[in-house]
C-alpha atoms as a PDB file:
ATOM      1  CA  UNK A   1     111.169 -48.234  30.876  1.00  0.00           C
ATOM      2  CA  UNK A   2     113.835 -50.934  31.162  1.00  0.00           C
ATOM      3  CA  UNK A   3     114.809 -52.744  27.976  1.00  0.00           C
ATOM      4  CA  UNK A   4     116.729 -55.952  27.416  1.00  0.00           C
ATOM      5  CA  UNK A   5     118.725 -56.358  24.230  1.00  0.00           C
ATOM      6  CA  UNK A   6     116.223 -58.970  23.108  1.00  0.00           C
ATOM      7  CA  UNK A   7     113.477 -56.346  23.431  1.00  0.00           C
ATOM      8  CA  UNK A   8     115.445 -53.936  21.273  1.00  0.00           C
ATOM      9  CA  UNK A   9     116.910 -56.286  18.687  1.00  0.00           C
ATOM     10  CA  UNK A  10     113.953 -56.128  16.329  1.00  0.00           C
ATOM     11  CA  UNK A  11     114.005 -52.341  16.463  1.00  0.00           C
ATOM     12  CA  UNK A  12     117.562 -52.087  15.128  1.00  0.00           C
ATOM     13  CA  UNK A  13     118.729 -51.799  11.524  1.00  0.00           C
ATOM     14  CA  UNK A  14     122.391 -52.802  11.310  1.00  0.00           C
ATOM     15  CA  UNK A  15     124.058 -50.265   9.003  1.00  0.00           C
ATOM     16  CA  UNK A  16     126.833 -51.434   6.663  1.00  0.00           C
ATOM     17  CA  UNK A  17     127.090 -48.339   4.474  1.00  0.00           C
ATOM     18  CA  UNK A  18     130.518 -46.873   5.109  1.00  0.00           C
ATOM     19  CA  UNK A  19     132.196 -46.666   1.679  1.00  0.00           C
ATOM     20  CA  UNK A  20     135.505 -47.860   3.110  1.00  0.00           C
ATOM     21  CA  UNK A  21     134.068 -51.216   4.166  1.00  0.00           C
ATOM     22  CA  UNK A  22     135.746 -54.166   2.494  1.00  0.00           C
ATOM     23  CA  UNK A  23     134.036 -57.372   1.424  1.00  0.00           C
ATOM     24  CA  UNK A  24     135.383 -58.929   4.612  1.00  0.00           C
ATOM     25  CA  UNK A  25     133.777 -56.152   6.654  1.00  0.00           C
ATOM     26  CA  UNK A  26     130.434 -56.652   4.927  1.00  0.00           C
ATOM     27  CA  UNK A  27     130.553 -60.419   5.437  1.00  0.00           C
ATOM     28  CA  UNK A  28     131.378 -60.094   9.130  1.00  0.00           C
ATOM     29  CA  UNK A  29     128.726 -57.402   9.521  1.00  0.00           C
ATOM     30  CA  UNK A  30     126.026 -59.683   8.152  1.00  0.00           C
ATOM     31  CA  UNK A  31     127.176 -62.458  10.490  1.00  0.00           C
ATOM     32  CA  UNK A  32     127.063 -60.061  13.438  1.00  0.00           C
ATOM     33  CA  UNK A  33     123.508 -59.033  12.549  1.00  0.00           C
ATOM     34  CA  UNK A  34     122.486 -62.679  12.463  1.00  0.00           C
ATOM     35  CA  UNK A  35     124.165 -63.356  15.796  1.00  0.00           C
ATOM     36  CA  UNK A  36     122.262 -60.512  17.476  1.00  0.00           C
ATOM     37  CA  UNK A  37     119.045 -61.204  15.521  1.00  0.00           C
ATOM     38  CA  UNK A  38     118.431 -57.552  14.661  1.00  0.00           C
ATOM     39  CA  UNK A  39     115.613 -56.261  12.473  1.00  0.00           C
ATOM     40  CA  UNK A  40     117.581 -55.752   9.274  1.00  0.00           C
ATOM     41  CA  UNK A  41     120.911 -55.209   7.580  1.00  0.00           C
ATOM     42  CA  UNK A  42     121.112 -52.060   5.441  1.00  0.00           C
ATOM     43  CA  UNK A  43     124.049 -52.684   3.143  1.00  0.00           C
ATOM     44  CA  UNK A  44     125.875 -51.092   0.219  1.00  0.00           C
ATOM     45  CA  UNK A  45     123.745 -51.785  -2.873  1.00  0.00           C
ATOM     46  CA  UNK A  46     126.368 -53.782  -4.764  1.00  0.00           C
ATOM     47  CA  UNK A  47     126.481 -56.348  -1.932  1.00  0.00           C
ATOM     48  CA  UNK A  48     122.732 -56.693  -1.372  1.00  0.00           C
ATOM     49  CA  UNK A  49     122.355 -59.924  -3.352  1.00  0.00           C
ATOM     50  CA  UNK A  50     125.006 -61.663  -1.255  1.00  0.00           C
ATOM     51  CA  UNK A  51     123.536 -60.164   1.926  1.00  0.00           C
ATOM     52  CA  UNK A  52     120.066 -61.490   1.062  1.00  0.00           C
ATOM     53  CA  UNK A  53     121.517 -64.946   0.481  1.00  0.00           C
ATOM     54  CA  UNK A  54     123.282 -64.868   3.851  1.00  0.00           C
ATOM     55  CA  UNK A  55     120.137 -63.770   5.676  1.00  0.00           C
ATOM     56  CA  UNK A  56     117.803 -66.201   3.914  1.00  0.00           C
ATOM     57  CA  UNK A  57     115.877 -68.330   6.373  1.00  0.00           C
ATOM     58  CA  UNK A  58     116.428 -65.891   9.252  1.00  0.00           C
ATOM     59  CA  UNK A  59     114.180 -63.176  10.625  1.00  0.00           C
ATOM     60  CA  UNK A  60     116.734 -60.464   9.704  1.00  0.00           C
ATOM     61  CA  UNK A  61     115.598 -58.471   6.675  1.00  0.00           C
ATOM     62  CA  UNK A  62     117.889 -57.536   3.782  1.00  0.00           C
ATOM     63  CA  UNK A  63     117.810 -53.850   2.894  1.00  0.00           C
ATOM     64  CA  UNK A  64     119.717 -51.236   0.947  1.00  0.00           C
ATOM     65  CA  UNK A  65     119.674 -47.566   0.021  1.00  0.00           C
ATOM     66  CA  UNK A  66     118.062 -45.604  -2.803  1.00  0.00           C
ATOM     67  CA  UNK A  67     119.303 -42.164  -3.871  1.00  0.00           C
ATOM     68  CA  UNK A  68     121.857 -42.306  -1.080  1.00  0.00           C
ATOM     69  CA  UNK A  69     123.182 -40.242   0.592  1.00  0.00           C
ATOM     70  CA  UNK A  70     122.154 -36.883  -0.882  1.00  0.00           C
ATOM     71  CA  UNK A  71     118.831 -37.686  -2.568  1.00  0.00           C
ATOM     72  CA  UNK A  72     119.711 -35.795  -5.744  1.00  0.00           C
ATOM     73  CA  UNK A  73     119.303 -38.678  -8.198  1.00  0.00           C
ATOM     74  CA  UNK A  74     116.531 -38.293 -10.759  1.00  0.00           C
ATOM     75  CA  UNK A  75     113.277 -40.039  -9.966  1.00  0.00           C
ATOM     76  CA  UNK A  76     113.841 -42.440 -12.871  1.00  0.00           C
ATOM     77  CA  UNK A  77     117.198 -43.485 -11.423  1.00  0.00           C
ATOM     78  CA  UNK A  78     115.707 -43.958  -7.963  1.00  0.00           C
ATOM     79  CA  UNK A  79     112.962 -46.156  -9.415  1.00  0.00           C
ATOM     80  CA  UNK A  80     115.560 -48.168 -11.330  1.00  0.00           C
ATOM     81  CA  UNK A  81     117.620 -48.578  -8.166  1.00  0.00           C
ATOM     82  CA  UNK A  82     114.513 -49.789  -6.363  1.00  0.00           C
ATOM     83  CA  UNK A  83     113.764 -52.356  -9.076  1.00  0.00           C
ATOM     84  CA  UNK A  84     117.342 -53.641  -8.973  1.00  0.00           C
ATOM     85  CA  UNK A  85     117.228 -53.854  -5.185  1.00  0.00           C
ATOM     86  CA  UNK A  86     114.039 -55.906  -5.334  1.00  0.00           C
ATOM     87  CA  UNK A  87     115.611 -58.211  -7.921  1.00  0.00           C
ATOM     88  CA  UNK A  88     118.615 -58.654  -5.620  1.00  0.00           C
ATOM     89  CA  UNK A  89     116.416 -59.756  -2.722  1.00  0.00           C
ATOM     90  CA  UNK A  90     115.827 -56.452  -0.951  1.00  0.00           C
ATOM     91  CA  UNK A  91     112.954 -56.530   1.510  1.00  0.00           C
ATOM     92  CA  UNK A  92     113.275 -52.963   2.767  1.00  0.00           C
ATOM     93  CA  UNK A  93     114.453 -49.882   0.862  1.00  0.00           C
ATOM     94  CA  UNK A  94     115.873 -46.768   2.521  1.00  0.00           C
ATOM     95  CA  UNK A  95     115.339 -43.848   0.138  1.00  0.00           C
ATOM     96  CA  UNK A  96     116.565 -40.290   0.586  1.00  0.00           C
ATOM     97  CA  UNK A  97     114.221 -37.465  -0.376  1.00  0.00           C
ATOM     98  CA  UNK A  98     115.404 -34.899  -2.899  1.00  0.00           C
ATOM     99  CA  UNK A  99     116.689 -32.424  -0.314  1.00  0.00           C
ATOM    100  CA  UNK A 100     117.180 -29.654  -2.889  1.00  0.00           C
ATOM    101  CA  UNK A 101     113.560 -29.896  -3.994  1.00  0.00           C
ATOM    102  CA  UNK A 102     112.315 -29.999  -0.395  1.00  0.00           C
ATOM    103  CA  UNK A 103     114.214 -26.794   0.370  1.00  0.00           C
ATOM    104  CA  UNK A 104     112.871 -25.285  -2.859  1.00  0.00           C
ATOM    105  CA  UNK A 105     109.297 -26.037  -1.818  1.00  0.00           C
ATOM    106  CA  UNK A 106     108.700 -28.184  -4.917  1.00  0.00           C
ATOM    107  CA  UNK A 107     106.268 -30.448  -3.138  1.00  0.00           C
ATOM    108  CA  UNK A 108     104.719 -32.010  -6.250  1.00  0.00           C
ATOM    109  CA  UNK A 109     108.173 -33.181  -7.323  1.00  0.00           C
ATOM    110  CA  UNK A 110     108.960 -34.447  -3.838  1.00  0.00           C
ATOM    111  CA  UNK A 111     105.684 -36.369  -3.690  1.00  0.00           C
ATOM    112  CA  UNK A 112     106.219 -37.961  -7.110  1.00  0.00           C
ATOM    113  CA  UNK A 113     109.789 -38.886  -6.196  1.00  0.00           C
ATOM    114  CA  UNK A 114     108.729 -40.687  -3.009  1.00  0.00           C
ATOM    115  CA  UNK A 115     105.734 -42.270  -4.742  1.00  0.00           C
ATOM    116  CA  UNK A 116     107.867 -43.764  -7.506  1.00  0.00           C
ATOM    117  CA  UNK A 117     110.013 -45.728  -5.068  1.00  0.00           C
ATOM    118  CA  UNK A 118     107.137 -46.604  -2.753  1.00  0.00           C
ATOM    119  CA  UNK A 119     105.100 -48.041  -5.618  1.00  0.00           C
ATOM    120  CA  UNK A 120     107.964 -50.237  -6.825  1.00  0.00           C
ATOM    121  CA  UNK A 121     108.564 -51.532  -3.314  1.00  0.00           C
ATOM    122  CA  UNK A 122     104.958 -52.121  -2.343  1.00  0.00           C
ATOM    123  CA  UNK A 123     104.124 -53.805  -5.648  1.00  0.00           C
ATOM    124  CA  UNK A 124     106.836 -56.342  -4.791  1.00  0.00           C
ATOM    125  CA  UNK A 125     105.771 -56.745  -1.167  1.00  0.00           C
ATOM    126  CA  UNK A 126     108.760 -54.784   0.140  1.00  0.00           C
ATOM    127  CA  UNK A 127     108.756 -51.831   2.535  1.00  0.00           C
ATOM    128  CA  UNK A 128     110.127 -48.282   2.337  1.00  0.00           C
ATOM    129  CA  UNK A 129     111.841 -45.995   4.810  1.00  0.00           C
ATOM    130  CA  UNK A 130     111.889 -42.352   3.699  1.00  0.00           C
ATOM    131  CA  UNK A 131     114.961 -40.498   4.958  1.00  0.00           C
ATOM    132  CA  UNK A 132     114.534 -36.747   5.484  1.00  0.00           C
ATOM    133  CA  UNK A 133     118.099 -35.692   6.438  1.00  0.00           C
ATOM    134  CA  UNK A 134     116.715 -33.368   9.092  1.00  0.00           C
ATOM    135  CA  UNK A 135     119.981 -31.534   9.729  1.00  0.00           C
ATOM    136  CA  UNK A 136     119.364 -29.542   6.528  1.00  0.00           C
ATOM    137  CA  UNK A 137     115.644 -28.903   7.026  1.00  0.00           C
ATOM    138  CA  UNK A 138     113.415 -26.501   8.907  1.00  0.00           C
ATOM    139  CA  UNK A 139     110.496 -27.628  11.030  1.00  0.00           C
ATOM    140  CA  UNK A 140     107.926 -26.890   8.329  1.00  0.00           C
ATOM    141  CA  UNK A 141     109.795 -29.114   5.873  1.00  0.00           C
ATOM    142  CA  UNK A 142     109.806 -32.027   8.301  1.00  0.00           C
ATOM    143  CA  UNK A 143     106.104 -31.627   9.019  1.00  0.00           C
ATOM    144  CA  UNK A 144     105.159 -31.521   5.342  1.00  0.00           C
ATOM    145  CA  UNK A 145     107.299 -34.580   4.603  1.00  0.00           C
ATOM    146  CA  UNK A 146     105.562 -36.495   7.371  1.00  0.00           C
ATOM    147  CA  UNK A 147     102.203 -35.584   5.856  1.00  0.00           C
ATOM    148  CA  UNK A 148     103.237 -36.614   2.337  1.00  0.00           C
ATOM    149  CA  UNK A 149     104.698 -39.909   3.539  1.00  0.00           C
ATOM    150  CA  UNK A 150     101.453 -40.631   5.360  1.00  0.00           C
ATOM    151  CA  UNK A 151      99.406 -39.922   2.261  1.00  0.00           C
ATOM    152  CA  UNK A 152     101.649 -42.227   0.195  1.00  0.00           C
ATOM    153  CA  UNK A 153     101.596 -44.992   2.839  1.00  0.00           C
ATOM    154  CA  UNK A 154     105.344 -45.076   3.363  1.00  0.00           C
ATOM    155  CA  UNK A 155     106.227 -47.628   6.014  1.00  0.00           C
ATOM    156  CA  UNK A 156     108.679 -45.486   7.982  1.00  0.00           C
ATOM    157  CA  UNK A 157     109.979 -41.950   8.148  1.00  0.00           C
ATOM    158  CA  UNK A 158     113.622 -41.714   9.186  1.00  0.00           C
ATOM    159  CA  UNK A 159     115.623 -38.810  10.570  1.00  0.00           C
ATOM    160  CA  UNK A 160     118.974 -39.046   8.834  1.00  0.00           C
ATOM    161  CA  UNK A 161     121.422 -40.862   6.596  1.00  0.00           C
ATOM    162  CA  UNK A 162     124.256 -40.764   9.101  1.00  0.00           C
ATOM    163  CA  UNK A 163     126.348 -38.870   6.531  1.00  0.00           C
ATOM    164  CA  UNK A 164     124.945 -35.354   6.931  1.00  0.00           C
ATOM    165  CA  UNK A 165     126.028 -32.657   9.372  1.00  0.00           C
ATOM    166  CA  UNK A 166     123.884 -34.080  12.167  1.00  0.00           C
ATOM    167  CA  UNK A 167     121.863 -37.102  13.201  1.00  0.00           C
ATOM    168  CA  UNK A 168     118.792 -37.996  15.198  1.00  0.00           C
ATOM    169  CA  UNK A 169     117.613 -35.691  17.975  1.00  0.00           C
ATOM    170  CA  UNK A 170     114.851 -36.280  20.475  1.00  0.00           C
ATOM    171  CA  UNK A 171     113.199 -33.065  19.309  1.00  0.00           C
ATOM    172  CA  UNK A 172     113.024 -34.286  15.715  1.00  0.00           C
ATOM    173  CA  UNK A 173     111.772 -37.710  16.720  1.00  0.00           C
ATOM    174  CA  UNK A 174     109.014 -36.165  18.810  1.00  0.00           C
ATOM    175  CA  UNK A 175     108.046 -33.827  15.959  1.00  0.00           C
ATOM    176  CA  UNK A 176     107.965 -36.640  13.402  1.00  0.00           C
ATOM    177  CA  UNK A 177     105.899 -38.897  15.657  1.00  0.00           C
ATOM    178  CA  UNK A 178     103.441 -36.056  16.220  1.00  0.00           C
ATOM    179  CA  UNK A 179     102.935 -35.303  12.527  1.00  0.00           C
ATOM    180  CA  UNK A 180     103.283 -38.717  10.884  1.00  0.00           C
ATOM    181  CA  UNK A 181     100.015 -40.680  10.943  1.00  0.00           C
ATOM    182  CA  UNK A 182      99.791 -43.764  13.117  1.00  0.00           C
ATOM    183  CA  UNK A 183     100.368 -46.197  10.232  1.00  0.00           C
ATOM    184  CA  UNK A 184     103.790 -44.643   9.525  1.00  0.00           C
ATOM    185  CA  UNK A 185     106.554 -45.647  11.928  1.00  0.00           C
ATOM    186  CA  UNK A 186     109.466 -43.413  12.948  1.00  0.00           C
ATOM    187  CA  UNK A 187     113.142 -44.401  12.959  1.00  0.00           C
ATOM    188  CA  UNK A 188     116.197 -42.650  14.342  1.00  0.00           C
ATOM    189  CA  UNK A 189     119.531 -42.702  12.510  1.00  0.00           C
ATOM    190  CA  UNK A 190     122.856 -40.918  12.558  1.00  0.00           C
ATOM    191  CA  UNK A 191     125.266 -40.982  15.475  1.00  0.00           C
ATOM    192  CA  UNK A 192     123.185 -43.467  17.464  1.00  0.00           C
ATOM    193  CA  UNK A 193     125.522 -45.131  19.964  1.00  0.00           C
ATOM    194  CA  UNK A 194     123.309 -45.760  22.996  1.00  0.00           C
ATOM    195  CA  UNK A 195     119.686 -45.897  24.063  1.00  0.00           C
ATOM    196  CA  UNK A 196     119.508 -42.278  25.178  1.00  0.00           C
ATOM    197  CA  UNK A 197     120.766 -41.052  21.814  1.00  0.00           C
ATOM    198  CA  UNK A 198     118.330 -43.359  20.077  1.00  0.00           C
ATOM    199  CA  UNK A 199     115.433 -41.607  21.763  1.00  0.00           C
ATOM    200  CA  UNK A 200     113.822 -44.950  22.489  1.00  0.00           C
ATOM    201  CA  UNK A 201     112.360 -43.545  25.668  1.00  0.00           C
ATOM    202  CA  UNK A 202     110.177 -41.330  23.463  1.00  0.00           C
ATOM    203  CA  UNK A 203     106.783 -42.936  23.070  1.00  0.00           C
ATOM    204  CA  UNK A 204     106.035 -44.246  19.590  1.00  0.00           C
ATOM    205  CA  UNK A 205     109.567 -44.400  18.166  1.00  0.00           C
ATOM    206  CA  UNK A 206     109.785 -47.644  16.196  1.00  0.00           C
ATOM    207  CA  UNK A 207     113.521 -48.166  16.088  1.00  0.00           C
ATOM    208  CA  UNK A 208     117.011 -47.066  15.162  1.00  0.00           C
ATOM    209  CA  UNK A 209     119.662 -47.508  12.513  1.00  0.00           C
ATOM    210  CA  UNK A 210     123.082 -48.129  14.013  1.00  0.00           C
ATOM    211  CA  UNK A 211     126.438 -49.517  13.032  1.00  0.00           C
ATOM    212  CA  UNK A 212     127.562 -50.317  16.581  1.00  0.00           C
ATOM    213  CA  UNK A 213     124.452 -51.784  18.216  1.00  0.00           C
ATOM    214  CA  UNK A 214     126.507 -54.630  19.701  1.00  0.00           C
ATOM    215  CA  UNK A 215     128.584 -52.118  21.676  1.00  0.00           C
ATOM    216  CA  UNK A 216     125.388 -50.520  22.993  1.00  0.00           C
ATOM    217  CA  UNK A 217     124.275 -54.006  24.008  1.00  0.00           C
ATOM    218  CA  UNK A 218     127.522 -54.609  25.854  1.00  0.00           C
ATOM    219  CA  UNK A 219     126.968 -51.393  27.855  1.00  0.00           C
ATOM    220  CA  UNK A 220     123.497 -52.452  28.928  1.00  0.00           C
ATOM    221  CA  UNK A 221     123.014 -53.700  32.521  1.00  0.00           C
END
């Protein structure tokens, strides 16, 4: 299928999460997202309030991270982060699962952890993306996470943080789309630099997180 950038814009989350980004970088990143009319800006939590103010009145959503990037925060801290993000104008929250507990098979803990953030977000009318960090997981972990996220009505499941040892793969995207119920969308993240890497040719993939979407646009015919 042939895509125009306009077709893809509302499938892209503009990532502004590199810890070396200055205030100037964050400001220009928000302006870039507005110029390209992408789906959202996912920004460092401390700058979310300013980001939300900049995006107000546009169709670009303000978002930030929860338990990022390793997922090891306690559930209480993740819930507190979610409440602060909502107060700061966050419309979408990208939470990282507790990878240690996933690998330990502590599924009750994992479920409660995801539920705590999802409940805070949904009670406020916000949405949640649940990041698996697939590079550390086996297939059975990814499948079980898709099932849990479906049961908890998460809005998206997402492949990666972009800060692990690997990013999105077509194989993972296909697996996640197969095992996540229809009401849960799938997003690619981590190392996405063009449409092929994004896996957008895979049926049912809802979008990508990328920090250089404008360069991908410039390479499009």
